[in-house]
PDB file of all heavy atoms in Angstrom:
ATOM      1  N   THR A   1      23.146  27.551 -52.189  1.00  0.00           N
ATOM      2  CA  THR A   1      24.069  27.534 -51.062  1.00  0.00           C
ATOM      3  C   THR A   1      24.991  28.729 -51.161  1.00  0.00           C
ATOM      4  O   THR A   1      25.180  29.303 -52.246  1.00  0.00           O
ATOM      5  CB  THR A   1      24.876  26.223 -50.984  1.00  0.00           C
ATOM      6  OG1 THR A   1      25.486  26.133 -49.687  1.00  0.00           O
ATOM      7  CG2 THR A   1      25.962  26.131 -52.048  1.00  0.00           C
ATOM      8  N   ALA A   2      25.532  29.117 -50.022  1.00  0.00           N
ATOM      9  CA  ALA A   2      26.435  30.266 -49.975  1.00  0.00           C
ATOM     10  C   ALA A   2      27.582  29.960 -49.022  1.00  0.00           C
ATOM     11  O   ALA A   2      27.363  29.433 -47.924  1.00  0.00           O
ATOM     12  CB  ALA A   2      25.693  31.519 -49.519  1.00  0.00           C
ATOM     13  N   HIS A   3      28.788  30.278 -49.478  1.00  0.00           N
ATOM     14  CA  HIS A   3      29.966  30.259 -48.608  1.00  0.00           C
ATOM     15  C   HIS A   3      29.665  31.204 -47.446  1.00  0.00           C
ATOM     16  O   HIS A   3      29.529  32.410 -47.641  1.00  0.00           O
ATOM     17  CB  HIS A   3      31.174  30.732 -49.433  1.00  0.00           C
ATOM     18  CG  HIS A   3      32.369  31.151 -48.639  1.00  0.00           C
ATOM     19  ND1 HIS A   3      33.568  30.483 -48.704  1.00  0.00           N
ATOM     20  CD2 HIS A   3      32.583  32.194 -47.799  1.00  0.00           C
ATOM     21  CE1 HIS A   3      34.455  31.083 -47.943  1.00  0.00           C
ATOM     22  NE2 HIS A   3      33.876  32.131 -47.373  1.00  0.00           N
ATOM     23  N   SER A   4      29.523  30.624 -46.258  1.00  0.00           N
ATOM     24  CA  SER A   4      29.168  31.405 -45.065  1.00  0.00           C
ATOM     25  C   SER A   4      29.992  30.859 -43.905  1.00  0.00           C
ATOM     26  O   SER A   4      29.640  29.839 -43.313  1.00  0.00           O
ATOM     27  CB  SER A   4      27.673  31.283 -44.761  1.00  0.00           C
ATOM     28  OG  SER A   4      26.893  31.589 -45.893  1.00  0.00           O
ATOM     29  N   VAL A   5      31.068  31.540 -43.581  1.00  0.00           N
ATOM     30  CA  VAL A   5      32.020  31.039 -42.597  1.00  0.00           C
ATOM     31  C   VAL A   5      31.725  31.590 -41.203  1.00  0.00           C
ATOM     32  O   VAL A   5      31.675  30.855 -40.219  1.00  0.00           O
ATOM     33  CB  VAL A   5      33.461  31.380 -43.021  1.00  0.00           C
ATOM     34  CG1 VAL A   5      34.450  31.027 -41.915  1.00  0.00           C
ATOM     35  CG2 VAL A   5      33.822  30.655 -44.307  1.00  0.00           C
ATOM     36  N   GLY A   6      31.529  32.892 -41.105  1.00  0.00           N
ATOM     37  CA  GLY A   6      31.304  33.526 -39.815  1.00  0.00           C
ATOM     38  C   GLY A   6      29.880  33.359 -39.316  1.00  0.00           C
ATOM     39  O   GLY A   6      28.953  33.150 -40.098  1.00  0.00           O
ATOM     40  N   ASP A   7      29.699  33.487 -37.994  1.00  0.00           N
ATOM     41  CA  ASP A   7      28.351  33.334 -37.441  1.00  0.00           C
ATOM     42  C   ASP A   7      27.424  34.452 -37.898  1.00  0.00           C
ATOM     43  O   ASP A   7      26.196  34.269 -37.957  1.00  0.00           O
ATOM     44  CB  ASP A   7      28.387  33.224 -35.917  1.00  0.00           C
ATOM     45  CG  ASP A   7      29.096  34.382 -35.223  1.00  0.00           C
ATOM     46  OD1 ASP A   7      29.547  35.332 -35.892  1.00  0.00           O
ATOM     47  OD2 ASP A   7      29.213  34.334 -33.973  1.00  0.00           O
ATOM     48  N   GLY A   8      27.991  35.606 -38.255  1.00  0.00           N
ATOM     49  CA  GLY A   8      27.170  36.685 -38.798  1.00  0.00           C
ATOM     50  C   GLY A   8      26.617  36.334 -40.170  1.00  0.00           C
ATOM     51  O   GLY A   8      25.439  36.575 -40.463  1.00  0.00           O
ATOM     52  N   ALA A   9      27.460  35.740 -41.020  1.00  0.00           N
ATOM     53  CA  ALA A   9      27.013  35.333 -42.358  1.00  0.00           C
ATOM     54  C   ALA A   9      25.994  34.204 -42.260  1.00  0.00           C
ATOM     55  O   ALA A   9      24.982  34.200 -42.981  1.00  0.00           O
ATOM     56  CB  ALA A   9      28.207  34.898 -43.205  1.00  0.00           C
ATOM     57  N   VAL A  10      26.238  33.247 -41.376  1.00  0.00           N
ATOM     58  CA  VAL A  10      25.289  32.138 -41.183  1.00  0.00           C
ATOM     59  C   VAL A  10      23.937  32.694 -40.747  1.00  0.00           C
ATOM     60  O   VAL A  10      22.881  32.281 -41.244  1.00  0.00           O
ATOM     61  CB  VAL A  10      25.832  31.135 -40.143  1.00  0.00           C
ATOM     62  CG1 VAL A  10      24.755  30.130 -39.737  1.00  0.00           C
ATOM     63  CG2 VAL A  10      27.056  30.404 -40.696  1.00  0.00           C
ATOM     64  N   HIS A  11      23.959  33.640 -39.826  1.00  0.00           N
ATOM     65  CA  HIS A  11      22.720  34.243 -39.317  1.00  0.00           C
ATOM     66  C   HIS A  11      21.974  34.990 -40.426  1.00  0.00           C
ATOM     67  O   HIS A  11      20.745  34.868 -40.554  1.00  0.00           O
ATOM     68  CB  HIS A  11      23.047  35.181 -38.161  1.00  0.00           C
ATOM     69  CG  HIS A  11      21.874  35.561 -37.323  1.00  0.00           C
ATOM     70  ND1 HIS A  11      21.307  34.716 -36.404  1.00  0.00           N
ATOM     71  CD2 HIS A  11      21.138  36.708 -37.287  1.00  0.00           C
ATOM     72  CE1 HIS A  11      20.289  35.310 -35.823  1.00  0.00           C
ATOM     73  NE2 HIS A  11      20.159  36.525 -36.335  1.00  0.00           N
ATOM     74  N   GLU A  12      22.721  35.759 -41.222  1.00  0.00           N
ATOM     75  CA  GLU A  12      22.105  36.499 -42.333  1.00  0.00           C
ATOM     76  C   GLU A  12      21.466  35.541 -43.337  1.00  0.00           C
ATOM     77  O   GLU A  12      20.360  35.792 -43.835  1.00  0.00           O
ATOM     78  CB  GLU A  12      23.160  37.352 -43.048  1.00  0.00           C
ATOM     79  CG  GLU A  12      23.656  38.561 -42.261  1.00  0.00           C
ATOM     80  CD  GLU A  12      22.681  39.719 -42.293  1.00  0.00           C
ATOM     81  OE1 GLU A  12      21.804  39.747 -43.175  1.00  0.00           O
ATOM     82  OE2 GLU A  12      22.798  40.603 -41.421  1.00  0.00           O
ATOM     83  N   LEU A  13      22.162  34.453 -43.644  1.00  0.00           N
ATOM     84  CA  LEU A  13      21.639  33.498 -44.622  1.00  0.00           C
ATOM     85  C   LEU A  13      20.381  32.812 -44.090  1.00  0.00           C
ATOM     86  O   LEU A  13      19.397  32.640 -44.826  1.00  0.00           O
ATOM     87  CB  LEU A  13      22.715  32.465 -44.970  1.00  0.00           C
ATOM     88  CG  LEU A  13      22.372  31.456 -46.059  1.00  0.00           C
ATOM     89  CD1 LEU A  13      21.967  32.144 -47.361  1.00  0.00           C
ATOM     90  CD2 LEU A  13      23.543  30.514 -46.315  1.00  0.00           C
ATOM     91  N   LEU A  14      20.389  32.441 -42.826  1.00  0.00           N
ATOM     92  CA  LEU A  14      19.197  31.815 -42.248  1.00  0.00           C
ATOM     93  C   LEU A  14      18.031  32.795 -42.179  1.00  0.00           C
ATOM     94  O   LEU A  14      16.868  32.402 -42.373  1.00  0.00           O
ATOM     95  CB  LEU A  14      19.516  31.246 -40.867  1.00  0.00           C
ATOM     96  CG  LEU A  14      20.303  29.926 -40.871  1.00  0.00           C
ATOM     97  CD1 LEU A  14      20.775  29.570 -39.467  1.00  0.00           C
ATOM     98  CD2 LEU A  14      19.473  28.794 -41.456  1.00  0.00           C
ATOM     99  N   ASP A  15      18.313  34.065 -41.908  1.00  0.00           N
ATOM    100  CA  ASP A  15      17.252  35.084 -41.956  1.00  0.00           C
ATOM    101  C   ASP A  15      16.595  35.106 -43.331  1.00  0.00           C
ATOM    102  O   ASP A  15      15.363  35.164 -43.457  1.00  0.00           O
ATOM    103  CB  ASP A  15      17.826  36.466 -41.647  1.00  0.00           C
ATOM    104  CG  ASP A  15      18.024  36.714 -40.158  1.00  0.00           C
ATOM    105  OD1 ASP A  15      17.545  35.904 -39.338  1.00  0.00           O
ATOM    106  OD2 ASP A  15      18.670  37.735 -39.819  1.00  0.00           O
ATOM    107  N   ALA A  16      17.439  35.065 -44.365  1.00  0.00           N
ATOM    108  CA  ALA A  16      16.924  35.100 -45.740  1.00  0.00           C
ATOM    109  C   ALA A  16      16.128  33.839 -46.057  1.00  0.00           C
ATOM    110  O   ALA A  16      15.036  33.897 -46.640  1.00  0.00           O
ATOM    111  CB  ALA A  16      18.079  35.273 -46.722  1.00  0.00           C
ATOM    112  N   TYR A  17      16.664  32.679 -45.679  1.00  0.00           N
ATOM    113  CA  TYR A  17      15.941  31.423 -45.905  1.00  0.00           C
ATOM    114  C   TYR A  17      14.588  31.435 -45.194  1.00  0.00           C
ATOM    115  O   TYR A  17      13.577  30.969 -45.725  1.00  0.00           O
ATOM    116  CB  TYR A  17      16.766  30.235 -45.412  1.00  0.00           C
ATOM    117  CG  TYR A  17      17.886  29.786 -46.332  1.00  0.00           C
ATOM    118  CD1 TYR A  17      19.072  29.261 -45.810  1.00  0.00           C
ATOM    119  CD2 TYR A  17      17.760  29.862 -47.718  1.00  0.00           C
ATOM    120  CE1 TYR A  17      20.097  28.826 -46.638  1.00  0.00           C
ATOM    121  CE2 TYR A  17      18.784  29.435 -48.551  1.00  0.00           C
ATOM    122  CZ  TYR A  17      19.953  28.915 -48.017  1.00  0.00           C
ATOM    123  OH  TYR A  17      20.958  28.484 -48.847  1.00  0.00           O
ATOM    124  N   GLU A  18      14.580  31.941 -43.978  1.00  0.00           N
ATOM    125  CA  GLU A  18      13.349  31.980 -43.193  1.00  0.00           C
ATOM    126  C   GLU A  18      12.280  32.811 -43.899  1.00  0.00           C
ATOM    127  O   GLU A  18      11.100  32.433 -43.947  1.00  0.00           O
ATOM    128  CB  GLU A  18      13.656  32.569 -41.808  1.00  0.00           C
ATOM    129  CG  GLU A  18      12.725  32.133 -40.717  1.00  0.00           C
ATOM    130  CD  GLU A  18      13.323  32.424 -39.344  1.00  0.00           C
ATOM    131  OE1 GLU A  18      13.898  33.514 -39.151  1.00  0.00           O
ATOM    132  OE2 GLU A  18      13.230  31.549 -38.464  1.00  0.00           O
ATOM    133  N   GLU A  19      12.696  33.932 -44.479  1.00  0.00           N
ATOM    134  CA  GLU A  19      11.743  34.798 -45.184  1.00  0.00           C
ATOM    135  C   GLU A  19      11.238  34.127 -46.462  1.00  0.00           C
ATOM    136  O   GLU A  19      10.031  34.125 -46.741  1.00  0.00           O
ATOM    137  CB  GLU A  19      12.395  36.136 -45.505  1.00  0.00           C
ATOM    138  CG  GLU A  19      11.442  37.130 -46.148  1.00  0.00           C
ATOM    139  CD  GLU A  19      12.074  38.502 -46.322  1.00  0.00           C
ATOM    140  OE1 GLU A  19      12.795  38.949 -45.399  1.00  0.00           O
ATOM    141  OE2 GLU A  19      11.837  39.134 -47.379  1.00  0.00           O
ATOM    142  N   ILE A  20      12.136  33.555 -47.247  1.00  0.00           N
ATOM    143  CA  ILE A  20      11.720  32.904 -48.497  1.00  0.00           C
ATOM    144  C   ILE A  20      10.852  31.690 -48.209  1.00  0.00           C
ATOM    145  O   ILE A  20       9.949  31.354 -48.984  1.00  0.00           O
ATOM    146  CB  ILE A  20      12.961  32.506 -49.340  1.00  0.00           C
ATOM    147  CG1 ILE A  20      13.784  33.748 -49.717  1.00  0.00           C
ATOM    148  CG2 ILE A  20      12.537  31.751 -50.599  1.00  0.00           C
ATOM    149  CD1 ILE A  20      13.018  34.823 -50.454  1.00  0.00           C
ATOM    150  N   ASN A  21      11.072  31.060 -47.067  1.00  0.00           N
ATOM    151  CA  ASN A  21      10.282  29.880 -46.705  1.00  0.00           C
ATOM    152  C   ASN A  21       8.800  30.200 -46.513  1.00  0.00           C
ATOM    153  O   ASN A  21       7.954  29.310 -46.577  1.00  0.00           O
ATOM    154  CB  ASN A  21      10.848  29.250 -45.425  1.00  0.00           C
ATOM    155  CG  ASN A  21      10.345  27.842 -45.190  1.00  0.00           C
ATOM    156  OD1 ASN A  21      10.499  26.973 -46.053  1.00  0.00           O
ATOM    157  ND2 ASN A  21       9.732  27.606 -44.040  1.00  0.00           N
ATOM    158  N   THR A  22       8.480  31.458 -46.295  1.00  0.00           N
ATOM    159  CA  THR A  22       7.069  31.838 -46.198  1.00  0.00           C
ATOM    160  C   THR A  22       6.401  31.855 -47.568  1.00  0.00           C
ATOM    161  O   THR A  22       5.175  31.857 -47.666  1.00  0.00           O
ATOM    162  CB  THR A  22       6.918  33.234 -45.551  1.00  0.00           C
ATOM    163  OG1 THR A  22       7.541  34.222 -46.386  1.00  0.00           O
ATOM    164  CG2 THR A  22       7.562  33.264 -44.167  1.00  0.00           C
ATOM    165  N   LYS A  23       7.214  31.859 -48.639  1.00  0.00           N
ATOM    166  CA  LYS A  23       6.684  31.857 -50.005  1.00  0.00           C
ATOM    167  C   LYS A  23       6.649  30.452 -50.596  1.00  0.00           C
ATOM    168  O   LYS A  23       5.702  30.066 -51.262  1.00  0.00           O
ATOM    169  CB  LYS A  23       7.537  32.762 -50.902  1.00  0.00           C
ATOM    170  CG  LYS A  23       7.608  34.205 -50.431  1.00  0.00           C
ATOM    171  CD  LYS A  23       8.593  35.021 -51.225  1.00  0.00           C
ATOM    172  CE  LYS A  23       8.184  35.206 -52.656  1.00  0.00           C
ATOM    173  NZ  LYS A  23       9.110  36.122 -53.385  1.00  0.00           N
ATOM    174  N   HIS A  24       7.706  29.691 -50.389  1.00  0.00           N
ATOM    175  CA  HIS A  24       7.753  28.298 -50.829  1.00  0.00           C
ATOM    176  C   HIS A  24       8.786  27.549 -49.993  1.00  0.00           C
ATOM    177  O   HIS A  24       9.631  28.164 -49.343  1.00  0.00           O
ATOM    178  CB  HIS A  24       8.080  28.182 -52.330  1.00  0.00           C
ATOM    179  CG  HIS A  24       9.337  28.874 -52.734  1.00  0.00           C
ATOM    180  ND1 HIS A  24       9.356  30.112 -53.315  1.00  0.00           N
ATOM    181  CD2 HIS A  24      10.635  28.510 -52.628  1.00  0.00           C
ATOM    182  CE1 HIS A  24      10.595  30.485 -53.568  1.00  0.00           C
ATOM    183  NE2 HIS A  24      11.389  29.523 -53.140  1.00  0.00           N
ATOM    184  N   SER A  25       8.711  26.225 -50.030  1.00  0.00           N
ATOM    185  CA  SER A  25       9.522  25.400 -49.134  1.00  0.00           C
ATOM    186  C   SER A  25      11.009  25.504 -49.427  1.00  0.00           C
ATOM    187  O   SER A  25      11.461  25.279 -50.551  1.00  0.00           O
ATOM    188  CB  SER A  25       9.095  23.931 -49.236  1.00  0.00           C
ATOM    189  OG  SER A  25       9.990  23.102 -48.516  1.00  0.00           O
ATOM    190  N   ILE A  26      11.765  25.845 -48.400  1.00  0.00           N
ATOM    191  CA  ILE A  26      13.222  25.834 -48.469  1.00  0.00           C
ATOM    192  C   ILE A  26      13.741  24.402 -48.308  1.00  0.00           C
ATOM    193  O   ILE A  26      14.721  23.997 -48.928  1.00  0.00           O
ATOM    194  CB  ILE A  26      13.790  26.756 -47.369  1.00  0.00           C
ATOM    195  CG1 ILE A  26      13.597  28.225 -47.764  1.00  0.00           C
ATOM    196  CG2 ILE A  26      15.248  26.467 -47.095  1.00  0.00           C
ATOM    197  CD1 ILE A  26      14.308  28.642 -49.020  1.00  0.00           C
ATOM    198  N   ARG A  27      13.047  23.626 -47.499  1.00  0.00           N
ATOM    199  CA  ARG A  27      13.451  22.243 -47.225  1.00  0.00           C
ATOM    200  C   ARG A  27      13.484  21.411 -48.505  1.00  0.00           C
ATOM    201  O   ARG A  27      14.399  20.614 -48.715  1.00  0.00           O
ATOM    202  CB  ARG A  27      12.481  21.617 -46.219  1.00  0.00           C
ATOM    203  CG  ARG A  27      12.823  20.202 -45.783  1.00  0.00           C
ATOM    204  CD  ARG A  27      11.730  19.636 -44.874  1.00  0.00           C
ATOM    205  NE  ARG A  27      11.526  20.466 -43.706  1.00  0.00           N
ATOM    206  CZ  ARG A  27      12.175  20.315 -42.556  1.00  0.00           C
ATOM    207  NH1 ARG A  27      13.069  19.350 -42.437  1.00  0.00           N
ATOM    208  NH2 ARG A  27      11.919  21.102 -41.529  1.00  0.00           N
ATOM    209  N   ASP A  28      12.485  21.571 -49.364  1.00  0.00           N
ATOM    210  CA  ASP A  28      12.354  20.721 -50.544  1.00  0.00           C
ATOM    211  C   ASP A  28      13.523  20.860 -51.511  1.00  0.00           C
ATOM    212  O   ASP A  28      13.825  19.930 -52.262  1.00  0.00           O
ATOM    213  CB  ASP A  28      11.047  21.026 -51.281  1.00  0.00           C
ATOM    214  CG  ASP A  28       9.817  20.585 -50.491  1.00  0.00           C
ATOM    215  OD1 ASP A  28       9.983  19.847 -49.506  1.00  0.00           O
ATOM    216  OD2 ASP A  28       8.701  21.000 -50.857  1.00  0.00           O
ATOM    217  N   THR A  29      14.166  22.024 -51.530  1.00  0.00           N
ATOM    218  CA  THR A  29      15.267  22.248 -52.471  1.00  0.00           C
ATOM    219  C   THR A  29      16.634  22.015 -51.828  1.00  0.00           C
ATOM    220  O   THR A  29      17.656  22.349 -52.410  1.00  0.00           O
ATOM    221  CB  THR A  29      15.207  23.669 -53.054  1.00  0.00           C
ATOM    222  OG1 THR A  29      15.261  24.629 -51.991  1.00  0.00           O
ATOM    223  CG2 THR A  29      13.932  23.877 -53.861  1.00  0.00           C
ATOM    224  N   ARG A  30      16.636  21.440 -50.630  1.00  0.00           N
ATOM    225  CA  ARG A  30      17.877  21.113 -49.906  1.00  0.00           C
ATOM    226  C   ARG A  30      18.756  22.365 -49.735  1.00  0.00           C
ATOM    227  O   ARG A  30      19.988  22.301 -49.882  1.00  0.00           O
ATOM    228  CB  ARG A  30      18.682  20.013 -50.606  1.00  0.00           C
ATOM    229  CG  ARG A  30      17.848  18.883 -51.217  1.00  0.00           C
ATOM    230  CD  ARG A  30      17.283  17.936 -50.187  1.00  0.00           C
ATOM    231  NE  ARG A  30      16.331  17.014 -50.792  1.00  0.00           N
ATOM    232  CZ  ARG A  30      16.617  15.773 -51.151  1.00  0.00           C
ATOM    233  NH1 ARG A  30      17.825  15.294 -50.973  1.00  0.00           N
ATOM    234  NH2 ARG A  30      15.682  14.999 -51.678  1.00  0.00           N
ATOM    235  N   SER A  31      18.108  23.497 -49.458  1.00  0.00           N
ATOM    236  CA  SER A  31      18.869  24.735 -49.261  1.00  0.00           C
ATOM    237  C   SER A  31      19.971  24.499 -48.244  1.00  0.00           C
ATOM    238  O   SER A  31      19.789  23.768 -47.264  1.00  0.00           O
ATOM    239  CB  SER A  31      17.936  25.848 -48.797  1.00  0.00           C
ATOM    240  OG  SER A  31      16.971  26.112 -49.791  1.00  0.00           O
ATOM    241  N   CYS A  32      21.108  25.120 -48.458  1.00  0.00           N
ATOM    242  CA  CYS A  32      22.328  24.700 -47.762  1.00  0.00           C
ATOM    243  C   CYS A  32      23.134  25.887 -47.259  1.00  0.00           C
ATOM    244  O   CYS A  32      22.983  27.023 -47.749  1.00  0.00           O
ATOM    245  CB  CYS A  32      23.159  23.851 -48.728  1.00  0.00           C
ATOM    246  SG  CYS A  32      24.500  22.916 -47.960  1.00  0.00           S
ATOM    247  N   ILE A  33      23.958  25.635 -46.273  1.00  0.00           N
ATOM    248  CA  ILE A  33      24.980  26.585 -45.820  1.00  0.00           C
ATOM    249  C   ILE A  33      26.327  25.908 -46.029  1.00  0.00           C
ATOM    250  O   ILE A  33      26.582  24.831 -45.491  1.00  0.00           O
ATOM    251  CB  ILE A  33      24.827  26.942 -44.328  1.00  0.00           C
ATOM    252  CG1 ILE A  33      23.393  27.376 -44.005  1.00  0.00           C
ATOM    253  CG2 ILE A  33      25.815  28.051 -43.952  1.00  0.00           C
ATOM    254  CD1 ILE A  33      23.138  27.560 -42.516  1.00  0.00           C
TER     255      ILE A  33
END
């Protein structure tokens, strides 16, 4: 998880999660904002 307050930070974090999700499941590890 990452402290992500602004919509820009939230967007950047989701971009990163989306990319890593192509390698292994983000859902299974309860990835968080």
